Amino acid sequence: MIERIFPDPAVLSGAALEHEVLAAPPENRRSTRPWVSFNFIASIDGAASLDGLSGQLGNAWDQRVFSLLRQTSDVILVGAQTIRAEGYGGELLSHAAQQWRSDNWLSPHPPLAIVSGSLNLDPGLEVFTQAPVRPLVLTLASAPQERRESLSEVSDVVNVGEASLDVARLIAELSGRGYQNIHSEGGPTLLGSFAAEGRVDELNLTVSPLLVGGAAGRIAMGGHHGGAASAAGAAGELARSMNLARILKADSMLFLRYVRPDM
């Protein structure tokens, strides 16, 4: 059973959950610029992973919400480390989800955009060899030419910065390709970079009822990419307020949705 705790408490059926998550949020509809959302999971003591994998923190409910959130995206944005750790090979959506997208004037498969400043990615990974849509690799002008040429055989490689990630340039690149609903699934460095630039419009955070301890990192870190700090990151910590828009609960797991306050 999954419940909506806020706003308007109610027990949600499977169909109601789908409607809740798949409906275009009013904040998104009002936005005059590309909408950037992130989806993360963390333990109740703040760990972003367990045994090195974020998926180890989740359960079937988390996977269901995770899948629904990616279902409406124009493009799925992911950091290279997340690709290496979690794997993204093959079709990213079920056949039912693909049909829903087709019925709602979206391409059946949202393309995958991978951020990698060093291009440390194996062209033989399933994310390339089994991709239903040719992936996009977003990199830096300083990336090694040999790796660029190798990855260009299995993806479209585009610069979105010189020596460090230019978040505005990345968003403009995706928007220029018609991708207005940008949905990111990690990792922490990517979220940190977008947060530092104030370009996180929405954060969906699953709170897993686990105490992890150890040295696991947070869902966001730094304000840099590829080892080079951005101006915001170099200036120190920067806090940005978000408004709580929804709380769902399944067993002891919480699903929180935050949006930027000017929406």
C-alpha atoms as a PDB file:
ATOM      1  CA  MET A   1       0.000   0.000   0.000  1.00  0.00           C
ATOM      2  CA  ILE A   2       1.177   3.499  -0.791  1.00  0.00           C
ATOM      3  CA  GLU A   3      -0.261   6.613   0.802  1.00  0.00           C
ATOM      4  CA  ARG A   4      -0.175  10.281  -0.021  1.00  0.00           C
ATOM      5  CA  ILE A   5       0.609  12.046   3.237  1.00  0.00           C
ATOM      6  CA  PHE A   6       0.809  15.571   1.806  1.00  0.00           C
ATOM      7  CA  PRO A   7      -1.045  17.313   0.278  1.00  0.00           C
ATOM      8  CA  ASP A   8      -4.556  15.834   0.622  1.00  0.00           C
ATOM      9  CA  PRO A   9      -3.894  12.551   2.478  1.00  0.00           C
ATOM     10  CA  ALA A  10      -5.234   9.466   0.711  1.00  0.00           C
ATOM     11  CA  VAL A  11      -4.504   5.801   0.053  1.00  0.00           C
ATOM     12  CA  LEU A  12      -3.469   5.414  -3.590  1.00  0.00           C
ATOM     13  CA  SER A  13      -4.299   2.510  -5.841  1.00  0.00           C
ATOM     14  CA  GLY A  14      -1.802   1.503  -8.506  1.00  0.00           C
ATOM     15  CA  ALA A  15      -3.695   3.558 -11.098  1.00  0.00           C
ATOM     16  CA  ALA A  16      -3.880   6.538  -8.745  1.00  0.00           C
ATOM     17  CA  LEU A  17      -0.140   6.357  -8.092  1.00  0.00           C
ATOM     18  CA  GLU A  18       0.517   6.402 -11.828  1.00  0.00           C
ATOM     19  CA  HIS A  19      -1.739   9.421 -12.269  1.00  0.00           C
ATOM     20  CA  GLU A  20      -0.075  11.171  -9.335  1.00  0.00           C
ATOM     21  CA  VAL A  21       3.455  10.770 -10.677  1.00  0.00           C
ATOM     22  CA  LEU A  22       2.824  10.909 -14.419  1.00  0.00           C
ATOM     23  CA  ALA A  23       0.663  14.036 -14.425  1.00  0.00           C
ATOM     24  CA  ALA A  24       2.607  17.100 -15.538  1.00  0.00           C
ATOM     25  CA  PRO A  25       3.362  19.083 -12.356  1.00  0.00           C
ATOM     26  CA  PRO A  26       1.880  22.597 -12.310  1.00  0.00           C
ATOM     27  CA  GLU A  27       5.313  24.064 -11.563  1.00  0.00           C
ATOM     28  CA  ASN A  28       6.658  22.422 -14.714  1.00  0.00           C
ATOM     29  CA  ARG A  29       3.791  23.732 -16.839  1.00  0.00           C
ATOM     30  CA  ARG A  30       4.388  27.284 -15.600  1.00  0.00           C
ATOM     31  CA  SER A  31       8.122  27.194 -16.254  1.00  0.00           C
ATOM     32  CA  THR A  32       9.386  29.313 -19.144  1.00  0.00           C
ATOM     33  CA  ARG A  33      12.736  27.530 -19.324  1.00  0.00           C
ATOM     34  CA  PRO A  34      13.831  23.865 -19.530  1.00  0.00           C
ATOM     35  CA  TRP A  35      12.757  21.950 -16.428  1.00  0.00           C
ATOM     36  CA  VAL A  36      15.532  20.081 -14.614  1.00  0.00           C
ATOM     37  CA  SER A  37      14.547  17.366 -12.149  1.00  0.00           C
ATOM     38  CA  PHE A  38      16.709  14.986 -10.121  1.00  0.00           C
ATOM     39  CA  ASN A  39      15.814  11.674  -8.514  1.00  0.00           C
ATOM     40  CA  PHE A  40      17.883  10.260  -5.627  1.00  0.00           C
ATOM     41  CA  ILE A  41      17.620   7.864  -2.721  1.00  0.00           C
ATOM     42  CA  ALA A  42      19.298   8.177   0.678  1.00  0.00           C
ATOM     43  CA  SER A  43      19.230   6.298   3.969  1.00  0.00           C
ATOM     44  CA  ILE A  44      17.831   7.974   7.079  1.00  0.00           C
ATOM     45  CA  ASP A  45      21.404   8.705   8.184  1.00  0.00           C
ATOM     46  CA  GLY A  46      22.242  10.352   4.862  1.00  0.00           C
ATOM     47  CA  ALA A  47      24.045   7.606   2.924  1.00  0.00           C
ATOM     48  CA  ALA A  48      23.559   7.771  -0.848  1.00  0.00           C
ATOM     49  CA  SER A  49      24.601   4.163  -1.411  1.00  0.00           C
ATOM     50  CA  LEU A  50      24.995   0.768   0.232  1.00  0.00           C
ATOM     51  CA  ASP A  51      27.925  -1.406  -0.804  1.00  0.00           C
ATOM     52  CA  GLY A  52      28.628   1.190  -3.491  1.00  0.00           C
ATOM     53  CA  LEU A  53      25.190   0.983  -5.127  1.00  0.00           C
ATOM     54  CA  SER A  54      22.232   3.315  -4.665  1.00  0.00           C
ATOM     55  CA  GLY A  55      19.866   0.542  -5.734  1.00  0.00           C
ATOM     56  CA  GLN A  56      20.765  -1.424  -2.596  1.00  0.00           C
ATOM     57  CA  LEU A  57      18.878   1.172  -0.545  1.00  0.00           C
ATOM     58  CA  GLY A  58      15.594   0.683  -2.383  1.00  0.00           C
ATOM     59  CA  ASN A  59      12.784  -1.835  -2.678  1.00  0.00           C
ATOM     60  CA  ALA A  60       9.971  -2.625  -5.109  1.00  0.00           C
ATOM     61  CA  TRP A  61       8.092   0.584  -4.234  1.00  0.00           C
ATOM     62  CA  ASP A  62      11.185   2.674  -4.890  1.00  0.00           C
ATOM     63  CA  GLN A  63      11.697   0.962  -8.235  1.00  0.00           C
ATOM     64  CA  ARG A  64       8.084   1.667  -9.173  1.00  0.00           C
ATOM     65  CA  VAL A  65       8.307   5.382  -8.389  1.00  0.00           C
ATOM     66  CA  PHE A  66      11.764   5.533 -10.006  1.00  0.00           C
ATOM     67  CA  SER A  67      10.371   4.073 -13.243  1.00  0.00           C
ATOM     68  CA  LEU A  68       7.364   6.391 -13.286  1.00  0.00           C
ATOM     69  CA  LEU A  69       9.528   9.473 -12.807  1.00  0.00           C
ATOM     70  CA  ARG A  70      11.755   8.622 -15.787  1.00  0.00           C
ATOM     71  CA  GLN A  71       8.717   7.740 -17.931  1.00  0.00           C
ATOM     72  CA  THR A  72       7.780  11.366 -18.615  1.00  0.00           C
ATOM     73  CA  SER A  73      11.266  12.697 -19.372  1.00  0.00           C
ATOM     74  CA  ASP A  74      12.458  14.073 -22.696  1.00  0.00           C
ATOM     75  CA  VAL A  75      16.005  12.985 -21.853  1.00  0.00           C
ATOM     76  CA  ILE A  76      17.631  11.084 -18.972  1.00  0.00           C
ATOM     77  CA  LEU A  77      20.808  12.752 -17.707  1.00  0.00           C
ATOM     78  CA  VAL A  78      23.343  10.580 -15.860  1.00  0.00           C
ATOM     79  CA  GLY A  79      26.922  10.983 -14.681  1.00  0.00           C
ATOM     80  CA  ALA A  80      29.571   8.577 -15.951  1.00  0.00           C
ATOM     81  CA  GLN A  81      30.269   7.109 -12.514  1.00  0.00           C
ATOM     82  CA  THR A  82      26.589   6.188 -12.162  1.00  0.00           C
ATOM     83  CA  ILE A  83      26.767   4.441 -15.526  1.00  0.00           C
ATOM     84  CA  ARG A  84      29.854   2.487 -14.467  1.00  0.00           C
ATOM     85  CA  ALA A  85      28.391   1.536 -11.076  1.00  0.00           C
ATOM     86  CA  GLU A  86      24.736   0.894 -11.860  1.00  0.00           C
ATOM     87  CA  GLY A  87      24.712  -0.074 -15.543  1.00  0.00           C
ATOM     88  CA  TYR A  88      22.147   1.292 -17.986  1.00  0.00           C
ATOM     89  CA  GLY A  89      22.126  -1.279 -20.775  1.00  0.00           C
ATOM     90  CA  GLY A  90      19.166  -2.030 -23.016  1.00  0.00           C
ATOM     91  CA  GLU A  91      15.683  -0.567 -22.874  1.00  0.00           C
ATOM     92  CA  LEU A  92      15.151   1.742 -19.912  1.00  0.00           C
ATOM     93  CA  LEU A  93      11.362   1.458 -19.867  1.00  0.00           C
ATOM     94  CA  SER A  94       8.837  -1.385 -19.919  1.00  0.00           C
ATOM     95  CA  HIS A  95       6.728  -1.973 -23.030  1.00  0.00           C
ATOM     96  CA  ALA A  96       3.715  -0.540 -21.188  1.00  0.00           C
ATOM     97  CA  ALA A  97       5.681   2.613 -20.377  1.00  0.00           C
ATOM     98  CA  GLN A  98       6.825   2.905 -23.981  1.00  0.00           C
ATOM     99  CA  GLN A  99       3.208   2.656 -25.128  1.00  0.00           C
ATOM    100  CA  TRP A 100       2.185   5.339 -22.629  1.00  0.00           C
ATOM    101  CA  ARG A 101       4.852   7.639 -24.059  1.00  0.00           C
ATOM    102  CA  SER A 102       3.688   6.999 -27.609  1.00  0.00           C
ATOM    103  CA  ASP A 103       0.096   7.713 -26.562  1.00  0.00           C
ATOM    104  CA  ASN A 104       1.267  10.995 -25.031  1.00  0.00           C
ATOM    105  CA  TRP A 105       3.230  12.230 -28.053  1.00  0.00           C
ATOM    106  CA  LEU A 106       6.631  11.265 -26.739  1.00  0.00           C
ATOM    107  CA  SER A 107       9.221   9.038 -28.387  1.00  0.00           C
ATOM    108  CA  PRO A 108       8.991   5.474 -26.998  1.00  0.00           C
ATOM    109  CA  HIS A 109      12.536   5.636 -25.644  1.00  0.00           C
ATOM    110  CA  PRO A 110      13.912   8.716 -23.866  1.00  0.00           C
ATOM    111  CA  PRO A 111      17.508   9.216 -24.998  1.00  0.00           C
ATOM    112  CA  LEU A 112      20.312   8.917 -22.467  1.00  0.00           C
ATOM    113  CA  ALA A 113      22.747  11.799 -21.980  1.00  0.00           C
ATOM    114  CA  ILE A 114      25.935  10.825 -20.137  1.00  0.00           C
ATOM    115  CA  VAL A 115      28.153  13.469 -18.515  1.00  0.00           C
ATOM    116  CA  SER A 116      31.842  12.581 -18.537  1.00  0.00           C
ATOM    117  CA  GLY A 117      34.625  15.132 -18.370  1.00  0.00           C
ATOM    118  CA  SER A 118      37.391  12.554 -18.918  1.00  0.00           C
ATOM    119  CA  LEU A 119      35.470  10.241 -21.290  1.00  0.00           C
ATOM    120  CA  ASN A 120      36.503   7.311 -19.119  1.00  0.00           C
ATOM    121  CA  LEU A 121      33.839   5.051 -20.621  1.00  0.00           C
ATOM    122  CA  ASP A 122      34.237   1.749 -22.437  1.00  0.00           C
ATOM    123  CA  PRO A 123      32.548   1.854 -25.869  1.00  0.00           C
ATOM    124  CA  GLY A 124      31.749  -1.839 -25.325  1.00  0.00           C
ATOM    125  CA  LEU A 125      29.442  -1.139 -22.381  1.00  0.00           C
ATOM    126  CA  GLU A 126      25.854  -2.288 -22.853  1.00  0.00           C
ATOM    127  CA  VAL A 127      24.707   1.312 -22.414  1.00  0.00           C
ATOM    128  CA  PHE A 128      26.178   1.845 -25.891  1.00  0.00           C
ATOM    129  CA  THR A 129      25.925  -1.548 -27.575  1.00  0.00           C
ATOM    130  CA  GLN A 130      22.316  -2.231 -26.527  1.00  0.00           C
ATOM    131  CA  ALA A 131      20.933   1.309 -26.553  1.00  0.00           C
ATOM    132  CA  PRO A 132      17.561   1.599 -28.333  1.00  0.00           C
ATOM    133  CA  VAL A 133      18.457   5.239 -29.083  1.00  0.00           C
ATOM    134  CA  ARG A 134      21.974   6.474 -29.805  1.00  0.00           C
ATOM    135  CA  PRO A 135      23.277   7.992 -26.527  1.00  0.00           C
ATOM    136  CA  LEU A 136      24.623  11.491 -26.142  1.00  0.00           C
ATOM    137  CA  VAL A 137      27.926  11.975 -24.291  1.00  0.00           C
ATOM    138  CA  LEU A 138      28.437  15.438 -22.813  1.00  0.00           C
ATOM    139  CA  THR A 139      32.084  16.193 -22.188  1.00  0.00           C
ATOM    140  CA  LEU A 140      34.775  18.875 -21.975  1.00  0.00           C
ATOM    141  CA  ALA A 141      37.028  20.357 -24.627  1.00  0.00           C
ATOM    142  CA  SER A 142      39.956  19.109 -22.530  1.00  0.00           C
ATOM    143  CA  ALA A 143      38.894  15.438 -22.838  1.00  0.00           C
ATOM    144  CA  PRO A 144      41.423  13.072 -24.474  1.00  0.00           C
ATOM    145  CA  GLN A 145      41.068  13.025 -28.259  1.00  0.00           C
ATOM    146  CA  GLU A 146      41.619   9.262 -28.521  1.00  0.00           C
ATOM    147  CA  ARG A 147      38.723   8.520 -26.172  1.00  0.00           C
ATOM    148  CA  ARG A 148      36.583  11.067 -27.995  1.00  0.00           C
ATOM    149  CA  GLU A 149      37.141   9.324 -31.310  1.00  0.00           C
ATOM    150  CA  SER A 150      36.430   5.907 -29.814  1.00  0.00           C
ATOM    151  CA  LEU A 151      33.172   6.973 -28.180  1.00  0.00           C
ATOM    152  CA  SER A 152      32.085   8.886 -31.275  1.00  0.00           C
ATOM    153  CA  GLU A 153      31.575   5.524 -32.964  1.00  0.00           C
ATOM    154  CA  VAL A 154      28.798   4.571 -30.521  1.00  0.00           C
ATOM    155  CA  SER A 155      27.430   7.955 -29.388  1.00  0.00           C
ATOM    156  CA  ASP A 156      27.195  11.654 -30.197  1.00  0.00           C
ATOM    157  CA  VAL A 157      29.995  13.391 -28.273  1.00  0.00           C
ATOM    158  CA  VAL A 158      29.414  17.079 -27.525  1.00  0.00           C
ATOM    159  CA  ASN A 159      31.420  19.642 -25.531  1.00  0.00           C
ATOM    160  CA  VAL A 160      29.584  21.381 -22.673  1.00  0.00           C
ATOM    161  CA  GLY A 161      32.560  23.111 -21.102  1.00  0.00           C
ATOM    162  CA  GLU A 162      36.248  23.803 -21.540  1.00  0.00           C
ATOM    163  CA  ALA A 163      38.126  22.592 -18.435  1.00  0.00           C
ATOM    164  CA  SER A 164      35.053  22.264 -16.194  1.00  0.00           C
ATOM    165  CA  LEU A 165      31.364  21.600 -16.665  1.00  0.00           C
ATOM    166  CA  ASP A 166      29.288  24.577 -17.822  1.00  0.00           C
ATOM    167  CA  VAL A 167      25.811  23.763 -16.493  1.00  0.00           C
ATOM    168  CA  ALA A 168      24.076  26.500 -18.499  1.00  0.00           C
ATOM    169  CA  ARG A 169      25.766  25.271 -21.680  1.00  0.00           C
ATOM    170  CA  LEU A 170      24.723  21.681 -20.935  1.00  0.00           C
ATOM    171  CA  ILE A 171      21.093  22.695 -20.463  1.00  0.00           C
ATOM    172  CA  ALA A 172      21.188  24.831 -23.613  1.00  0.00           C
ATOM    173  CA  GLU A 173      22.622  21.902 -25.591  1.00  0.00           C
ATOM    174  CA  LEU A 174      19.803  19.596 -24.493  1.00  0.00           C
ATOM    175  CA  SER A 175      17.145  22.268 -24.958  1.00  0.00           C
ATOM    176  CA  GLY A 176      18.456  22.972 -28.444  1.00  0.00           C
ATOM    177  CA  ARG A 177      17.780  19.347 -29.289  1.00  0.00           C
ATOM    178  CA  GLY A 178      14.173  19.734 -28.159  1.00  0.00           C
ATOM    179  CA  TYR A 179      14.637  18.258 -24.686  1.00  0.00           C
ATOM    180  CA  GLN A 180      12.756  20.571 -22.333  1.00  0.00           C
ATOM    181  CA  ASN A 181      12.006  18.044 -19.566  1.00  0.00           C
ATOM    182  CA  ILE A 182      15.480  17.030 -18.364  1.00  0.00           C
ATOM    183  CA  HIS A 183      15.463  14.268 -15.761  1.00  0.00           C
ATOM    184  CA  SER A 184      18.650  13.242 -13.958  1.00  0.00           C
ATOM    185  CA  GLU A 185      19.263  10.052 -11.994  1.00  0.00           C
ATOM    186  CA  GLY A 186      22.708  10.867 -10.630  1.00  0.00           C
ATOM    187  CA  GLY A 187      25.289  11.069  -9.511  1.00  0.00           C
ATOM    188  CA  PRO A 188      26.212  13.234  -6.541  1.00  0.00           C
ATOM    189  CA  THR A 189      28.803  15.335  -8.391  1.00  0.00           C
ATOM    190  CA  LEU A 190      26.273  16.137 -11.107  1.00  0.00           C
ATOM    191  CA  LEU A 191      23.654  17.197  -8.560  1.00  0.00           C
ATOM    192  CA  GLY A 192      26.279  19.251  -6.733  1.00  0.00           C
ATOM    193  CA  SER A 193      27.207  21.076  -9.937  1.00  0.00           C
ATOM    194  CA  PHE A 194      23.596  21.893 -10.807  1.00  0.00           C
ATOM    195  CA  ALA A 195      22.806  22.919  -7.231  1.00  0.00           C
ATOM    196  CA  ALA A 196      25.791  25.275  -7.157  1.00  0.00           C
ATOM    197  CA  GLU A 197      24.429  27.026 -10.249  1.00  0.00           C
ATOM    198  CA  GLY A 198      20.847  27.155  -8.951  1.00  0.00           C
ATOM    199  CA  ARG A 199      19.553  24.959 -11.773  1.00  0.00           C
ATOM    200  CA  VAL A 200      17.740  22.250  -9.783  1.00  0.00           C
ATOM    201  CA  ASP A 201      14.033  22.860 -10.408  1.00  0.00           C
ATOM    202  CA  GLU A 202      12.829  19.656  -8.765  1.00  0.00           C
ATOM    203  CA  LEU A 203      14.287  17.033  -6.453  1.00  0.00           C
ATOM    204  CA  ASN A 204      12.572  13.709  -5.840  1.00  0.00           C
ATOM    205  CA  LEU A 205      14.166  12.128  -2.800  1.00  0.00           C
ATOM    206  CA  THR A 206      13.385   8.646  -1.525  1.00  0.00           C
ATOM    207  CA  VAL A 207      14.210   8.240   2.174  1.00  0.00           C
ATOM    208  CA  SER A 208      15.087   4.609   2.809  1.00  0.00           C
ATOM    209  CA  PRO A 209      14.430   3.337   6.378  1.00  0.00           C
ATOM    210  CA  LEU A 210      17.983   2.076   6.798  1.00  0.00           C
ATOM    211  CA  LEU A 211      20.874   3.074   9.035  1.00  0.00           C
ATOM    212  CA  VAL A 212      23.964   2.534   6.918  1.00  0.00           C
ATOM    213  CA  GLY A 213      26.887   4.166   8.708  1.00  0.00           C
ATOM    214  CA  GLY A 214      30.312   3.730   7.154  1.00  0.00           C
ATOM    215  CA  ALA A 215      31.835   6.125   4.661  1.00  0.00           C
ATOM    216  CA  ALA A 216      29.060   6.335   2.059  1.00  0.00           C
ATOM    217  CA  GLY A 217      28.761   9.791   0.509  1.00  0.00           C
ATOM    218  CA  ARG A 218      25.827  12.194   0.290  1.00  0.00           C
ATOM    219  CA  ILE A 219      23.445  12.623  -2.666  1.00  0.00           C
ATOM    220  CA  ALA A 220      25.253  15.852  -3.613  1.00  0.00           C
ATOM    221  CA  MET A 221      28.895  16.747  -3.394  1.00  0.00           C
ATOM    222  CA  GLY A 222      31.096  19.578  -4.572  1.00  0.00           C
ATOM    223  CA  GLY A 223      30.229  22.076  -7.223  1.00  0.00           C
ATOM    224  CA  HIS A 224      32.707  20.763  -9.705  1.00  0.00           C
ATOM    225  CA  HIS A 225      33.185  18.272 -12.518  1.00  0.00           C
ATOM    226  CA  GLY A 226      36.223  16.492 -13.868  1.00  0.00           C
ATOM    227  CA  GLY A 227      38.363  17.573 -10.923  1.00  0.00           C
ATOM    228  CA  ALA A 228      38.072  21.307 -11.585  1.00  0.00           C
ATOM    229  CA  ALA A 229      36.037  23.399  -9.151  1.00  0.00           C
ATOM    230  CA  SER A 230      33.432  25.785 -10.498  1.00  0.00           C
ATOM    231  CA  ALA A 231      33.398  29.351  -9.288  1.00  0.00           C
ATOM    232  CA  ALA A 232      30.444  28.604  -7.011  1.00  0.00           C
ATOM    233  CA  GLY A 233      32.059  25.462  -5.667  1.00  0.00           C
ATOM    234  CA  ALA A 234      35.383  27.201  -5.050  1.00  0.00           C
ATOM    235  CA  ALA A 235      33.628  29.931  -3.089  1.00  0.00           C
ATOM    236  CA  GLY A 236      32.506  27.451  -0.454  1.00  0.00           C
ATOM    237  CA  GLU A 237      29.221  25.936   0.631  1.00  0.00           C
ATOM    238  CA  LEU A 238      26.042  27.406  -0.795  1.00  0.00           C
ATOM    239  CA  ALA A 239      22.585  26.609   0.601  1.00  0.00           C
ATOM    240  CA  ARG A 240      19.512  26.899  -1.605  1.00  0.00           C
ATOM    241  CA  SER A 241      15.975  26.582  -0.275  1.00  0.00           C
ATOM    242  CA  MET A 242      13.435  24.163  -1.796  1.00  0.00           C
ATOM    243  CA  ASN A 243       9.703  23.896  -1.130  1.00  0.00           C
ATOM    244  CA  LEU A 244       8.130  20.573  -0.137  1.00  0.00           C
ATOM    245  CA  ALA A 245       5.410  19.740  -2.680  1.00  0.00           C
ATOM    246  CA  ARG A 246       4.486  16.107  -1.938  1.00  0.00           C
ATOM    247  CA  ILE A 247       5.021  13.256   0.510  1.00  0.00           C
ATOM    248  CA  LEU A 248       4.222   9.644  -0.353  1.00  0.00           C
ATOM    249  CA  LYS A 249       4.684   6.750   2.065  1.00  0.00           C
ATOM    250  CA  ALA A 250       4.995   3.016   1.418  1.00  0.00           C
ATOM    251  CA  ASP A 251       5.661   0.901   4.522  1.00  0.00           C
ATOM    252  CA  SER A 252       8.471   2.861   6.237  1.00  0.00           C
ATOM    253  CA  MET A 253       9.839   4.401   3.040  1.00  0.00           C
ATOM    254  CA  LEU A 254       9.137   8.048   2.191  1.00  0.00           C
ATOM    255  CA  PHE A 255       9.030   9.683  -1.232  1.00  0.00           C
ATOM    256  CA  LEU A 256       9.570  13.436  -1.031  1.00  0.00           C
ATOM    257  CA  ARG A 257       9.159  15.912  -3.871  1.00  0.00           C
ATOM    258  CA  TYR A 258      10.722  19.376  -3.623  1.00  0.00           C
ATOM    259  CA  VAL A 259      10.539  22.260  -6.100  1.00  0.00           C
ATOM    260  CA  ARG A 260      12.419  25.552  -6.281  1.00  0.00           C
ATOM    261  CA  PRO A 261      10.564  28.255  -4.347  1.00  0.00           C
ATOM    262  CA  ASP A 262      10.032  30.738  -7.195  1.00  0.00           C
ATOM    263  CA  MET A 263       7.636  28.283  -8.806  1.00  0.00           C
END
